[in-house]
Amino acid sequence: MTLEAFFNDFSYIADAPNGVKKLRELILQLAVRGKLVPQDPADEPASKLLERIQEEKARLVEEKKIRKTETPSKVSANEVPYSLPIGWVWVRLGNLGLTQTGSTPTTAKPEYFGNDYPFIKPADISETCVRYDSGNGLSQKGIEKGRLIPAYSVLMVCIGGSISKVNFIDRECSCNQQINTISPYDGVDYRMLKFFMASPFFKEQVINNSSSTTLPILSKAKWEMLPILLPPLAEQHRIVAKVDQLMSLCDDLESKQEKQRQKLTRLNNAALDRLLTAQEQAEFDVAWELIRDNFDLLYATPGTIGKLRQAILQLAVQGKLVPQDPADEPASKLLDRIQEEKARLVEDKKIRRTDQLTPINSRDEPYGVPQGWAWTYLGEISNTIHYGYSASADHNIKDVRLLRITDIQNNHVNWETVPGCEISIDTVNSYTLNNGDLLIARTGGTIGKTYLVENINVCAVFASYLIRVVPNQFSLPTYFKLFAETPLYWQQLYEKSMGTGQPNVNGISLSQLLLPLPPLAEQHRIVAKVDLLMSLCDDLEARLVKGQAMAEKLTHAAVSTILKE
């Protein structure tokens, strides 16, 4: 792709994943390579400009406005990644201006702080601007103890996770010691300097030359020795004008894309809400036809598939995913059999008797359910709900594994890596995991996370930060797990969570969760349908991700071609 083709296909490249970001980077890369605007042989070459800059620096030293420093060494051939454009020169960053490192006055002196000068910190610097009103500032006394940074200086973060963030200031400021600054000499356009310092080439130098510790640091001495290109002054102005024009176009494209994303999100939400809130079959059919006829539009990116999955689960527990069969034994009869079975288990002393839960009336029901369904409590259709075993994990023990929350990743457990624990023979039976057990995390950031035990082939117990729900034999564990993924489950769970610093739920709270219970035969049909649709969602998401990766690869290839032109 030629540079001319690039400008013609500007918006096309922007539509690729991270396209606008790549365009911004490419614009700066073209600028620092002298490929964004044509060179003019009539321009005074940068070598002459550099001579004048050195004369100005000598004058400022003589006038004692700046300190005399050693002249930086010339940039060697092995330091530069590409050849010079006509009229340009490679220089050290320190050749182009007065460099400083910020300083923070002691907080023990309140009189050093005020509103006379903004005090800039790394968090105040972004790609688009420098924030001056963060609530911090220095007084006149404070600026004398800190650093006065002249207006139109360029600031770059040179320590920490935001290292290489860069922008310029348009007023006198001060900054802390995590920021290095350069105040350009006459003949160096501060906007061009900011663009060049924001380019991938210069940022890579900053990162590559910083310390390799967990907290990267680049000293001012190393920073000001980094190579950078200096164009003729007239070309600097042309570069700035062109970059401003193209960045403005990027802003417009980004704004248009954001509006399109918001519109798509609204359409997606509206279509799904209409489907989920449909009361009559005819209304449901119309809502589904709307989604079906616009499926390619509504689900064109991987990010939209999550909402589709949630809608499938919601439809499942609303009785709208599969048709009802009048021949199915109603859920009310199923509940009777569950209660009879639990009474027998209590009498045989295999489970403990639990308190009777408050009867559910129509006002408690979150929504209407189909004929043959019934609202019930999780505790009513479970044999037991109880906490796990408290023990220390030991990777040297393999006889009895101790399943922890951290061992459960994406609904999967690698039993080979699960540690063991010390537990007596008398105790192990009370906590041994069996197929069909539903485990629920009860505290912290993973609260509500669930895992359905299936195909277990080791002896394992579960840790104390997990709660086990043992379904009754007349209940379908996979339907329990399906319910535990729905918005209805999560809404109730968060409402019942306790604690301000670290939310948690207990067994009583979980036993009081309301869930819609279909006939057992319909539970099987629902689970089978959900499995099928989730598999289709996985395939669709994989195709969309692959498509985006391909588009990104093509964009990268186009960008590489442009840079080689």
Protein backbone atom coordinates (compact mmCIF):
# COMPACT_ATOMS: atom_id res chain seq x y z
CA MET A 1 0.00 0.00 0.00
CA THR A 2 1.39 3.39 -1.00
CA LEU A 3 1.11 6.52 1.12
CA GLU A 4 -1.50 7.85 -1.32
CA ALA A 5 -3.51 4.64 -0.93
CA PHE A 6 -3.18 4.99 2.83
CA PHE A 7 -4.85 8.37 2.80
CA ASN A 8 -7.55 7.06 0.47
CA ASP A 9 -8.22 4.05 2.75
CA PHE A 10 -7.88 6.00 5.99
CA SER A 11 -11.38 5.20 7.26
CA TYR A 12 -11.12 1.55 6.12
CA ILE A 13 -8.06 0.98 8.29
CA ALA A 14 -9.81 2.74 11.18
CA ASP A 15 -12.61 0.16 11.09
CA ALA A 16 -10.20 -2.70 11.89
CA PRO A 17 -9.79 -3.76 15.57
CA ASN A 18 -7.85 -1.01 17.37
CA GLY A 19 -7.75 0.65 13.98
CA VAL A 20 -7.84 4.26 15.14
CA LYS A 21 -5.11 3.60 17.69
CA LYS A 22 -2.97 2.05 14.95
CA LEU A 23 -3.68 5.02 12.69
CA ARG A 24 -2.49 7.44 15.36
CA GLU A 25 0.70 5.43 15.80
CA LEU A 26 1.22 5.24 12.04
CA ILE A 27 0.74 8.99 11.62
CA LEU A 28 3.48 9.62 14.19
CA GLN A 29 5.73 6.96 12.64
CA LEU A 30 5.35 8.58 9.22
CA ALA A 31 6.01 11.99 10.75
CA VAL A 32 9.30 10.98 12.41
CA ARG A 33 10.49 9.27 9.22
CA GLY A 34 9.84 12.33 7.09
CA LYS A 35 7.13 10.58 5.08
CA LEU A 36 4.09 12.54 6.20
CA VAL A 37 4.82 15.72 4.25
CA PRO A 38 7.22 16.29 1.32
CA GLN A 39 10.65 17.80 1.89
CA ASP A 40 11.36 21.19 0.30
CA PRO A 41 14.94 21.67 -0.98
CA ALA A 42 14.51 25.40 -0.35
CA ASP A 43 14.16 24.85 3.40
CA GLU A 44 17.14 25.77 5.55
CA PRO A 45 18.63 22.39 6.54
CA ALA A 46 18.39 21.25 10.14
CA SER A 47 22.20 21.28 10.42
CA LYS A 48 22.09 25.09 10.16
CA LEU A 49 19.22 25.20 12.62
CA LEU A 50 21.26 23.08 15.05
CA GLU A 51 24.15 25.54 14.79
CA ARG A 52 21.81 28.39 15.75
CA ILE A 53 20.42 26.30 18.64
CA GLN A 54 23.98 25.78 19.93
CA GLU A 55 24.65 29.51 19.66
CA GLU A 56 21.47 30.24 21.62
CA LYS A 57 22.48 27.71 24.27
CA ALA A 58 25.92 29.34 24.60
CA ARG A 59 24.29 32.74 24.96
CA LEU A 60 21.97 31.49 27.70
CA VAL A 61 24.96 30.00 29.54
CA GLU A 62 26.84 33.28 29.24
CA GLU A 63 23.81 35.16 30.58
CA LYS A 64 23.69 32.61 33.43
CA LYS A 65 20.13 31.67 32.57
CA ILE A 66 21.11 28.03 32.27
CA ARG A 67 24.04 25.99 33.50
CA LYS A 68 26.85 24.94 31.20
CA THR A 69 26.71 21.22 30.42
CA GLU A 70 28.84 18.88 28.39
CA THR A 71 27.97 18.75 24.72
CA PRO A 72 26.12 15.45 24.07
CA SER A 73 27.97 12.98 21.86
CA LYS A 74 26.93 12.63 18.22
CA VAL A 75 24.42 9.94 17.36
CA SER A 76 26.24 6.92 15.94
CA ALA A 77 25.08 4.95 12.90
CA ASN A 78 24.23 1.84 14.94
CA GLU A 79 21.76 3.83 17.08
CA VAL A 80 19.47 4.86 14.23
CA PRO A 81 16.83 2.54 12.74
CA TYR A 82 16.41 4.24 9.36
CA SER A 83 18.08 6.72 7.03
CA LEU A 84 17.74 10.49 7.26
CA PRO A 85 15.26 12.44 5.14
CA ILE A 86 16.77 15.27 3.11
CA GLY A 87 17.73 18.21 5.33
CA TRP A 88 17.22 16.36 8.65
CA VAL A 89 19.77 15.51 11.36
CA TRP A 90 19.93 12.98 14.18
CA VAL A 91 20.51 14.62 17.58
CA ARG A 92 20.32 13.79 21.25
CA LEU A 93 17.11 14.88 22.98
CA GLY A 94 19.19 17.13 25.25
CA ASN A 95 20.38 19.07 22.19
CA LEU A 96 16.89 20.45 21.65
CA GLY A 97 16.08 22.10 24.94
CA LEU A 98 16.62 22.61 28.65
CA THR A 99 15.93 19.37 30.50
CA GLN A 100 14.80 19.07 34.12
CA THR A 101 13.42 16.52 36.54
CA GLY A 102 10.48 17.50 38.69
CA SER A 103 10.64 17.92 42.45
CA THR A 104 8.14 17.79 45.29
CA PRO A 105 8.47 20.31 48.14
CA THR A 106 8.21 18.94 51.65
CA THR A 107 4.63 18.48 52.82
CA ALA A 108 5.73 19.63 56.28
CA LYS A 109 5.54 23.20 54.97
CA PRO A 110 1.87 24.03 54.18
CA GLU A 111 2.93 27.44 52.91
CA TYR A 112 4.58 25.72 49.92
CA PHE A 113 1.21 24.68 48.55
CA GLY A 114 -1.46 26.82 46.96
CA ASN A 115 -3.00 27.85 43.65
CA ASP A 116 -0.23 29.89 42.06
CA TYR A 117 1.16 27.07 39.90
CA PRO A 118 -0.41 23.73 38.87
CA PHE A 119 1.53 20.74 40.22
CA ILE A 120 1.53 17.96 37.62
CA LYS A 121 1.69 14.24 38.48
CA PRO A 122 1.80 11.25 36.07
CA ALA A 123 -1.96 10.72 36.45
CA ASP A 124 -2.52 14.26 35.13
CA ILE A 125 -0.86 13.47 31.79
CA SER A 126 -2.84 11.77 29.02
CA GLU A 127 -2.50 11.45 25.23
CA THR A 128 -4.96 14.27 24.69
CA CYS A 129 -4.11 16.82 27.38
CA VAL A 130 -2.47 17.72 30.66
CA ARG A 131 -4.86 18.22 33.56
CA TYR A 132 -4.17 21.39 35.54
CA ASP A 133 -7.09 21.29 37.98
CA SER A 134 -6.37 18.08 39.90
CA GLY A 135 -6.61 19.94 43.21
CA ASN A 136 -2.86 20.16 43.74
CA GLY A 137 -0.80 23.27 43.29
CA LEU A 138 2.18 25.19 44.61
CA SER A 139 2.49 28.65 46.03
CA GLN A 140 5.18 31.16 45.04
CA LYS A 141 7.28 29.92 47.96
CA GLY A 142 6.68 26.34 46.91
CA ILE A 143 7.81 26.92 43.33
CA GLU A 144 11.09 28.27 44.66
CA LYS A 145 11.65 24.95 46.44
CA GLY A 146 10.37 22.86 43.55
CA ARG A 147 10.86 23.26 39.80
CA LEU A 148 9.39 25.95 37.57
CA ILE A 149 8.59 24.44 34.19
CA PRO A 150 8.13 27.10 31.47
CA ALA A 151 5.01 27.12 29.33
CA TYR A 152 5.20 25.06 26.12
CA SER A 153 7.56 22.53 27.65
CA VAL A 154 7.12 18.83 26.96
CA LEU A 155 6.59 16.50 29.94
CA MET A 156 7.24 12.76 29.94
CA VAL A 157 6.67 10.23 32.71
CA CYS A 158 9.95 8.37 33.30
CA ILE A 159 9.10 6.03 36.15
CA GLY A 160 6.45 3.42 36.95
CA GLY A 161 3.63 1.76 35.05
CA SER A 162 2.80 4.85 32.99
CA ILE A 163 6.38 5.39 31.83
CA SER A 164 6.63 7.14 28.41
CA LYS A 165 3.32 9.04 28.72
CA VAL A 166 3.97 12.43 27.15
CA ASN A 167 2.32 15.78 26.43
CA PHE A 168 3.06 19.50 26.58
CA ILE A 169 1.92 22.28 28.91
CA ASP A 170 0.60 25.66 27.77
CA ARG A 171 1.29 27.50 31.03
CA GLU A 172 3.94 27.67 33.75
CA CYS A 173 3.74 24.62 36.00
CA SER A 174 5.66 22.41 38.35
CA CYS A 175 5.77 18.63 38.45
CA ASN A 176 6.89 15.78 40.68
CA GLN A 177 10.08 13.76 40.39
CA GLN A 178 8.47 11.01 38.30
CA ILE A 179 8.40 13.39 35.33
CA ASN A 180 11.22 14.67 33.12
CA THR A 181 10.72 17.87 31.15
CA ILE A 182 12.28 19.56 28.15
CA SER A 183 11.81 23.24 27.33
CA PRO A 184 12.66 23.60 23.61
CA TYR A 185 15.14 26.17 22.37
CA ASP A 186 14.20 28.62 19.62
CA GLY A 187 13.89 26.74 16.35
CA VAL A 188 12.29 23.66 17.87
CA ASP A 189 8.49 23.52 17.64
CA TYR A 190 7.21 22.18 20.97
CA ARG A 191 4.26 20.48 19.24
CA MET A 192 6.54 18.67 16.81
CA LEU A 193 8.77 17.65 19.71
CA LYS A 194 5.75 16.23 21.54
CA PHE A 195 4.67 14.28 18.44
CA PHE A 196 8.17 12.87 17.93
CA MET A 197 8.45 11.90 21.61
CA ALA A 198 5.02 10.25 21.41
CA SER A 199 6.08 8.12 18.44
CA PRO A 200 6.54 4.34 18.90
CA PHE A 201 10.28 4.68 18.09
CA PHE A 202 10.99 7.14 20.90
CA LYS A 203 8.72 5.41 23.42
CA GLU A 204 10.45 2.09 22.73
CA GLN A 205 13.77 3.78 23.49
CA VAL A 206 12.42 5.06 26.81
CA ILE A 207 11.19 1.62 27.84
CA ASN A 208 14.26 -0.26 26.54
CA ASN A 209 16.67 2.05 28.36
CA SER A 210 14.81 2.04 31.67
CA SER A 211 15.86 -0.18 34.55
CA SER A 212 14.67 -3.77 34.26
CA THR A 213 13.26 -3.94 37.79
CA THR A 214 9.58 -4.28 38.68
CA LEU A 215 9.44 -0.46 38.78
CA PRO A 216 10.98 0.82 35.52
CA ILE A 217 12.97 4.04 35.92
CA LEU A 218 14.75 6.15 33.31
CA SER A 219 17.07 8.81 34.73
CA LYS A 220 17.21 12.27 33.21
CA ALA A 221 20.86 11.65 32.24
CA LYS A 222 19.90 8.65 30.10
CA TRP A 223 16.66 10.25 28.88
CA GLU A 224 18.32 13.34 27.44
CA MET A 225 20.84 11.14 25.57
CA LEU A 226 18.16 9.33 23.56
CA PRO A 227 18.39 9.88 19.76
CA ILE A 228 15.68 11.93 18.07
CA LEU A 229 15.30 13.50 14.64
CA LEU A 230 15.37 17.24 13.95
CA PRO A 231 13.72 18.45 10.69
CA PRO A 232 14.15 21.91 9.16
CA LEU A 233 12.04 24.50 10.99
CA ALA A 234 9.72 25.10 8.02
CA GLU A 235 9.09 21.36 7.73
CA GLN A 236 8.44 21.14 11.47
CA HIS A 237 5.53 23.52 10.98
CA ARG A 238 4.23 21.52 8.01
CA ILE A 239 4.46 18.29 10.04
CA VAL A 240 2.55 19.82 12.94
CA ALA A 241 -0.20 21.07 10.64
CA LYS A 242 -0.53 17.67 8.94
CA VAL A 243 -0.49 15.72 12.19
CA ASP A 244 -3.13 18.02 13.65
CA GLN A 245 -5.29 17.53 10.56
CA LEU A 246 -4.99 13.72 10.61
CA MET A 247 -5.40 13.44 14.39
CA SER A 248 -8.56 15.54 14.09
CA LEU A 249 -9.78 13.10 11.47
CA CYS A 250 -8.97 10.24 13.89
CA ASP A 251 -10.99 12.03 16.56
CA ASP A 252 -13.95 12.27 14.18
CA LEU A 253 -13.67 8.58 13.24
CA GLU A 254 -13.37 7.59 16.88
CA SER A 255 -16.41 9.67 17.78
CA LYS A 256 -18.41 8.17 14.91
CA GLN A 257 -17.38 4.64 15.94
CA GLU A 258 -18.36 5.29 19.55
CA LYS A 259 -21.76 6.56 18.47
CA GLN A 260 -22.19 3.46 16.30
CA ARG A 261 -21.21 1.22 19.23
CA GLN A 262 -23.67 2.98 21.51
CA LYS A 263 -26.41 2.71 18.89
CA LEU A 264 -25.69 -1.00 18.41
CA THR A 265 -25.74 -1.54 22.19
CA ARG A 266 -29.10 0.22 22.45
CA LEU A 267 -30.52 -1.84 19.56
CA ASN A 268 -29.16 -5.03 21.10
CA ASN A 269 -30.57 -4.23 24.54
CA ALA A 270 -33.91 -3.18 23.13
CA ALA A 271 -34.25 -6.33 21.01
CA LEU A 272 -33.36 -8.62 23.91
CA ASP A 273 -35.54 -6.72 26.39
CA ARG A 274 -38.46 -7.02 24.02
CA LEU A 275 -37.84 -10.76 23.75
CA LEU A 276 -37.44 -11.29 27.51
CA THR A 277 -40.45 -9.21 28.51
CA ALA A 278 -42.88 -10.64 25.94
CA GLN A 279 -46.04 -11.83 27.71
CA GLU A 280 -47.89 -13.40 24.79
CA GLN A 281 -46.62 -15.92 22.23
CA ALA A 282 -47.39 -13.57 19.34
CA GLU A 283 -45.40 -10.79 20.99
CA PHE A 284 -42.53 -13.22 21.59
CA ASP A 285 -42.58 -14.36 17.96
CA VAL A 286 -42.35 -10.78 16.68
CA ALA A 287 -39.44 -10.04 19.03
CA TRP A 288 -37.61 -13.18 17.92
CA GLU A 289 -38.14 -12.38 14.23
CA LEU A 290 -36.57 -8.95 14.82
CA ILE A 291 -33.43 -10.57 16.25
CA ARG A 292 -33.35 -13.30 13.60
CA ASP A 293 -33.68 -10.87 10.70
CA ASN A 294 -30.97 -8.55 12.10
CA PHE A 295 -28.71 -11.18 13.63
CA ASP A 296 -25.62 -10.26 11.55
CA LEU A 297 -25.97 -6.62 12.61
CA LEU A 298 -26.70 -7.24 16.29
CA TYR A 299 -24.00 -9.89 16.78
CA ALA A 300 -21.15 -8.71 14.61
CA THR A 301 -18.52 -8.40 17.36
CA PRO A 302 -17.34 -10.80 20.08
CA GLY A 303 -18.40 -8.34 22.77
CA THR A 304 -22.10 -8.76 21.92
CA ILE A 305 -22.13 -12.55 22.41
CA GLY A 306 -22.10 -12.24 26.20
CA LYS A 307 -25.52 -10.56 26.16
CA LEU A 308 -26.82 -13.28 23.86
CA ARG A 309 -25.66 -15.96 26.31
CA GLN A 310 -27.38 -14.16 29.18
CA ALA A 311 -30.57 -13.90 27.15
CA ILE A 312 -30.52 -17.64 26.41
CA LEU A 313 -30.20 -18.42 30.12
CA GLN A 314 -32.95 -15.96 31.01
CA LEU A 315 -35.29 -17.42 28.41
CA ALA A 316 -34.50 -20.89 29.75
CA VAL A 317 -35.63 -20.10 33.30
CA GLN A 318 -38.66 -18.16 31.99
CA GLY A 319 -39.95 -21.26 30.19
CA LYS A 320 -39.55 -19.63 26.77
CA LEU A 321 -36.70 -21.68 25.35
CA VAL A 322 -38.43 -25.03 24.77
CA PRO A 323 -42.15 -25.84 24.44
CA GLN A 324 -44.10 -27.23 27.38
CA ASP A 325 -45.57 -30.74 27.17
CA PRO A 326 -48.96 -31.16 28.94
CA ALA A 327 -48.08 -34.83 29.48
CA ASP A 328 -45.16 -33.91 31.77
CA GLU A 329 -45.63 -34.48 35.49
CA PRO A 330 -46.11 -30.94 36.91
CA ALA A 331 -43.48 -29.42 39.19
CA SER A 332 -45.96 -29.44 42.11
CA LYS A 333 -45.96 -33.26 42.04
CA LEU A 334 -42.18 -33.24 41.73
CA LEU A 335 -41.94 -31.06 44.85
CA ASP A 336 -44.16 -33.51 46.74
CA ARG A 337 -41.84 -36.39 45.85
CA ILE A 338 -38.78 -34.35 46.84
CA GLN A 339 -40.30 -33.59 50.26
CA GLU A 340 -41.19 -37.26 50.79
CA GLU A 341 -37.63 -38.27 49.89
CA LYS A 342 -36.13 -35.66 52.25
CA ALA A 343 -38.41 -36.82 55.09
CA ARG A 344 -37.19 -40.39 54.57
CA LEU A 345 -33.55 -39.28 54.62
CA VAL A 346 -34.16 -37.36 57.85
CA GLU A 347 -35.80 -40.40 59.42
CA ASP A 348 -32.84 -42.55 58.34
CA LYS A 349 -30.54 -39.92 59.88
CA LYS A 350 -28.75 -39.39 56.59
CA ILE A 351 -29.50 -35.66 56.54
CA ARG A 352 -30.53 -33.15 59.19
CA ARG A 353 -34.00 -31.68 59.49
CA THR A 354 -34.08 -28.03 58.39
CA ASP A 355 -36.42 -25.21 59.38
CA GLN A 356 -39.55 -24.79 57.32
CA LEU A 357 -39.15 -21.92 54.86
CA THR A 358 -41.78 -19.21 54.50
CA PRO A 359 -44.44 -20.17 51.92
CA ILE A 360 -44.06 -18.35 48.60
CA ASN A 361 -46.99 -16.14 47.62
CA SER A 362 -47.61 -14.49 44.27
CA ARG A 363 -46.12 -11.18 45.46
CA ASP A 364 -42.76 -12.89 46.02
CA GLU A 365 -42.56 -14.34 42.51
CA PRO A 366 -40.15 -12.36 40.28
CA TYR A 367 -42.23 -13.16 37.17
CA GLY A 368 -44.91 -15.47 35.90
CA VAL A 369 -43.96 -19.01 34.90
CA PRO A 370 -45.63 -21.42 32.47
CA GLN A 371 -48.32 -23.86 33.50
CA GLY A 372 -46.80 -26.91 35.15
CA TRP A 373 -43.92 -24.91 36.68
CA ALA A 374 -43.61 -23.81 40.31
CA TRP A 375 -41.58 -21.31 42.28
CA THR A 376 -39.55 -22.89 45.06
CA TYR A 377 -36.51 -22.30 47.26
CA LEU A 378 -33.08 -23.75 46.59
CA GLY A 379 -33.21 -25.21 50.10
CA GLU A 380 -36.49 -27.03 49.37
CA ILE A 381 -35.08 -29.06 46.51
CA SER A 382 -31.66 -29.70 48.06
CA ASN A 383 -30.83 -32.40 50.59
CA THR A 384 -28.15 -30.35 52.33
CA ILE A 385 -26.40 -26.99 52.06
CA HIS A 386 -23.25 -26.79 54.16
CA TYR A 387 -19.77 -25.31 54.51
CA GLY A 388 -16.51 -26.96 53.51
CA TYR A 389 -13.63 -28.39 55.49
CA SER A 390 -10.99 -26.20 57.19
CA ALA A 391 -7.49 -27.52 56.54
CA SER A 392 -4.11 -26.50 55.16
CA ALA A 393 -3.42 -27.43 51.56
CA ASP A 394 -0.45 -29.74 51.04
CA HIS A 395 0.78 -30.55 47.52
CA ASN A 396 2.67 -33.56 48.88
CA ILE A 397 -0.58 -35.26 49.89
CA LYS A 398 -2.59 -36.95 47.13
CA ASP A 399 -4.86 -39.43 48.99
CA VAL A 400 -7.58 -36.84 49.68
CA ARG A 401 -7.61 -33.65 47.58
CA LEU A 402 -8.73 -30.28 48.97
CA LEU A 403 -10.63 -28.34 46.31
CA ARG A 404 -10.28 -24.56 46.73
CA ILE A 405 -11.87 -21.62 44.93
CA THR A 406 -8.60 -20.94 43.11
CA ASP A 407 -8.60 -24.47 41.67
CA ILE A 408 -11.82 -23.69 39.77
CA GLN A 409 -11.11 -21.84 36.53
CA ASN A 410 -13.70 -21.33 33.77
CA ASN A 411 -15.93 -24.10 35.16
CA HIS A 412 -13.03 -26.54 35.01
CA VAL A 413 -10.80 -28.24 37.60
CA ASN A 414 -7.45 -29.83 36.81
CA TRP A 415 -7.45 -32.47 39.52
CA GLU A 416 -3.76 -33.24 38.91
CA THR A 417 -2.80 -29.86 40.36
CA VAL A 418 -5.28 -29.82 43.27
CA PRO A 419 -3.39 -30.21 46.58
CA GLY A 420 -4.30 -32.67 49.31
CA CYS A 421 -4.94 -32.27 53.02
CA GLU A 422 -4.85 -34.11 56.33
CA ILE A 423 -8.32 -35.42 57.28
CA SER A 424 -9.50 -38.25 59.49
CA ILE A 425 -11.43 -41.27 58.21
CA ASP A 426 -14.35 -40.34 60.46
CA THR A 427 -14.56 -36.85 58.93
CA VAL A 428 -13.87 -37.46 55.27
CA ASN A 429 -17.30 -38.91 54.46
CA SER A 430 -19.01 -35.68 55.55
CA TYR A 431 -17.12 -33.64 52.96
CA THR A 432 -16.39 -36.09 50.11
CA LEU A 433 -17.42 -34.63 46.76
CA ASN A 434 -19.77 -36.58 44.53
CA ASN A 435 -20.98 -36.11 40.99
CA GLY A 436 -23.90 -33.69 40.95
CA ASP A 437 -22.70 -31.56 43.89
CA LEU A 438 -22.92 -27.82 43.27
CA LEU A 439 -20.19 -25.73 44.93
CA ILE A 440 -20.68 -22.01 45.54
CA ALA A 441 -17.99 -19.52 46.61
CA ARG A 442 -19.26 -17.71 49.67
CA THR A 443 -16.95 -14.71 50.11
CA GLY A 444 -14.74 -12.08 48.51
CA GLY A 445 -14.32 -11.18 44.88
CA THR A 446 -15.44 -14.63 43.70
CA ILE A 447 -18.67 -14.65 45.71
CA GLY A 448 -21.37 -16.61 43.89
CA LYS A 449 -18.96 -18.42 41.56
CA THR A 450 -20.23 -21.98 41.01
CA TYR A 451 -18.85 -25.34 39.97
CA LEU A 452 -20.81 -28.49 39.20
CA VAL A 453 -18.92 -31.66 40.11
CA GLU A 454 -18.98 -34.07 37.17
CA ASN A 455 -16.91 -37.11 36.20
CA ILE A 456 -14.82 -36.91 39.37
CA ASN A 457 -12.26 -39.71 39.59
CA VAL A 458 -10.37 -38.80 42.78
CA CYS A 459 -11.25 -38.67 46.45
CA ALA A 460 -11.72 -34.99 47.24
CA VAL A 461 -13.22 -32.71 49.86
CA PHE A 462 -13.96 -29.01 49.51
CA ALA A 463 -12.45 -26.05 51.37
CA SER A 464 -14.23 -23.88 53.92
CA TYR A 465 -14.71 -20.88 51.61
CA LEU A 466 -17.00 -23.01 49.49
CA ILE A 467 -20.59 -24.06 50.24
CA ARG A 468 -21.91 -27.35 48.88
CA VAL A 469 -25.46 -27.76 47.64
CA VAL A 470 -26.42 -31.44 47.38
CA PRO A 471 -29.43 -31.76 45.05
CA ASN A 472 -32.20 -34.22 45.83
CA GLN A 473 -32.27 -37.30 43.61
CA PHE A 474 -35.47 -35.98 41.99
CA SER A 475 -33.69 -32.74 41.03
CA LEU A 476 -31.46 -32.20 38.00
CA PRO A 477 -28.03 -30.83 39.05
CA THR A 478 -27.32 -29.43 35.57
CA TYR A 479 -30.49 -27.31 35.83
CA PHE A 480 -29.22 -26.00 39.19
CA LYS A 481 -25.97 -25.01 37.52
CA LEU A 482 -27.85 -23.35 34.65
CA PHE A 483 -29.92 -21.35 37.13
CA ALA A 484 -26.72 -20.27 38.93
CA GLU A 485 -25.57 -18.50 35.75
CA THR A 486 -28.73 -16.40 35.28
CA PRO A 487 -29.27 -12.73 36.17
CA LEU A 488 -32.02 -13.84 38.61
CA TYR A 489 -29.49 -15.86 40.62
CA TRP A 490 -26.92 -13.05 40.71
CA GLN A 491 -29.45 -10.39 41.63
CA GLN A 492 -30.66 -12.39 44.62
CA LEU A 493 -27.15 -13.38 45.64
CA TYR A 494 -25.92 -9.77 45.80
CA GLU A 495 -29.03 -8.69 47.67
CA LYS A 496 -28.41 -11.36 50.30
CA SER A 497 -24.65 -10.82 50.58
CA MET A 498 -23.49 -9.39 53.86
CA GLY A 499 -20.52 -7.30 54.91
CA THR A 500 -19.23 -3.99 53.63
CA GLY A 501 -15.52 -4.63 53.19
CA GLN A 502 -15.84 -8.20 51.91
CA PRO A 503 -19.31 -9.39 50.90
CA ASN A 504 -20.27 -12.97 51.75
CA VAL A 505 -23.26 -15.27 51.80
CA ASN A 506 -24.07 -18.11 54.14
CA GLY A 507 -25.94 -21.38 53.84
CA ILE A 508 -29.20 -19.88 55.11
CA SER A 509 -29.09 -17.12 52.48
CA LEU A 510 -28.47 -19.64 49.72
CA SER A 511 -31.29 -21.89 50.90
CA GLN A 512 -33.67 -18.91 50.51
CA LEU A 513 -32.84 -18.26 46.87
CA LEU A 514 -35.98 -18.39 44.73
CA LEU A 515 -35.85 -20.38 41.53
CA PRO A 516 -38.43 -21.39 38.93
CA LEU A 517 -38.81 -25.17 38.81
CA PRO A 518 -40.01 -26.83 35.57
CA PRO A 519 -41.23 -30.42 35.36
CA LEU A 520 -38.27 -32.81 35.47
CA ALA A 521 -38.70 -33.86 31.83
CA GLU A 522 -38.66 -30.20 30.76
CA GLN A 523 -35.54 -29.57 32.84
CA HIS A 524 -33.78 -32.15 30.67
CA ARG A 525 -35.04 -30.49 27.47
CA ILE A 526 -33.97 -27.05 28.71
CA VAL A 527 -30.46 -28.18 29.62
CA ALA A 528 -30.02 -29.92 26.25
CA LYS A 529 -31.23 -26.81 24.38
CA VAL A 530 -29.00 -24.47 26.38
CA ASP A 531 -25.98 -26.71 25.76
CA LEU A 532 -26.69 -26.64 22.03
CA LEU A 533 -27.17 -22.86 21.89
CA MET A 534 -24.11 -22.16 24.04
CA SER A 535 -22.05 -24.32 21.71
CA LEU A 536 -23.33 -22.26 18.77
CA CYS A 537 -22.43 -19.07 20.68
CA ASP A 538 -18.92 -20.44 21.25
CA ASP A 539 -18.56 -21.17 17.52
CA LEU A 540 -19.89 -17.74 16.55
CA GLU A 541 -17.61 -15.98 19.02
CA ALA A 542 -14.60 -17.97 17.79
CA ARG A 543 -15.38 -16.99 14.17
CA LEU A 544 -15.76 -13.32 15.09
CA VAL A 545 -12.50 -13.35 17.06
CA LYS A 546 -10.76 -15.04 14.14
CA GLY A 547 -12.23 -12.47 11.75
CA GLN A 548 -11.01 -9.61 13.91
CA ALA A 549 -7.57 -11.19 14.18
CA MET A 550 -7.41 -11.49 10.40
CA ALA A 551 -8.51 -7.87 9.94
CA GLU A 552 -5.88 -6.78 12.45
CA LYS A 553 -3.24 -8.84 10.67
CA LEU A 554 -4.14 -7.27 7.31
CA THR A 555 -4.03 -3.81 8.86
CA HIS A 556 -0.61 -4.55 10.36
CA ALA A 557 0.60 -5.73 6.95
CA ALA A 558 -0.72 -2.56 5.30
CA VAL A 559 0.98 -0.39 7.92
CA SER A 560 4.28 -2.27 7.49
CA THR A 561 4.08 -1.80 3.73
CA ILE A 562 3.49 1.93 4.10
CA LEU A 563 6.49 2.30 6.40
CA LYS A 564 8.71 0.45 3.92
CA GLU A 565 7.70 2.67 0.99
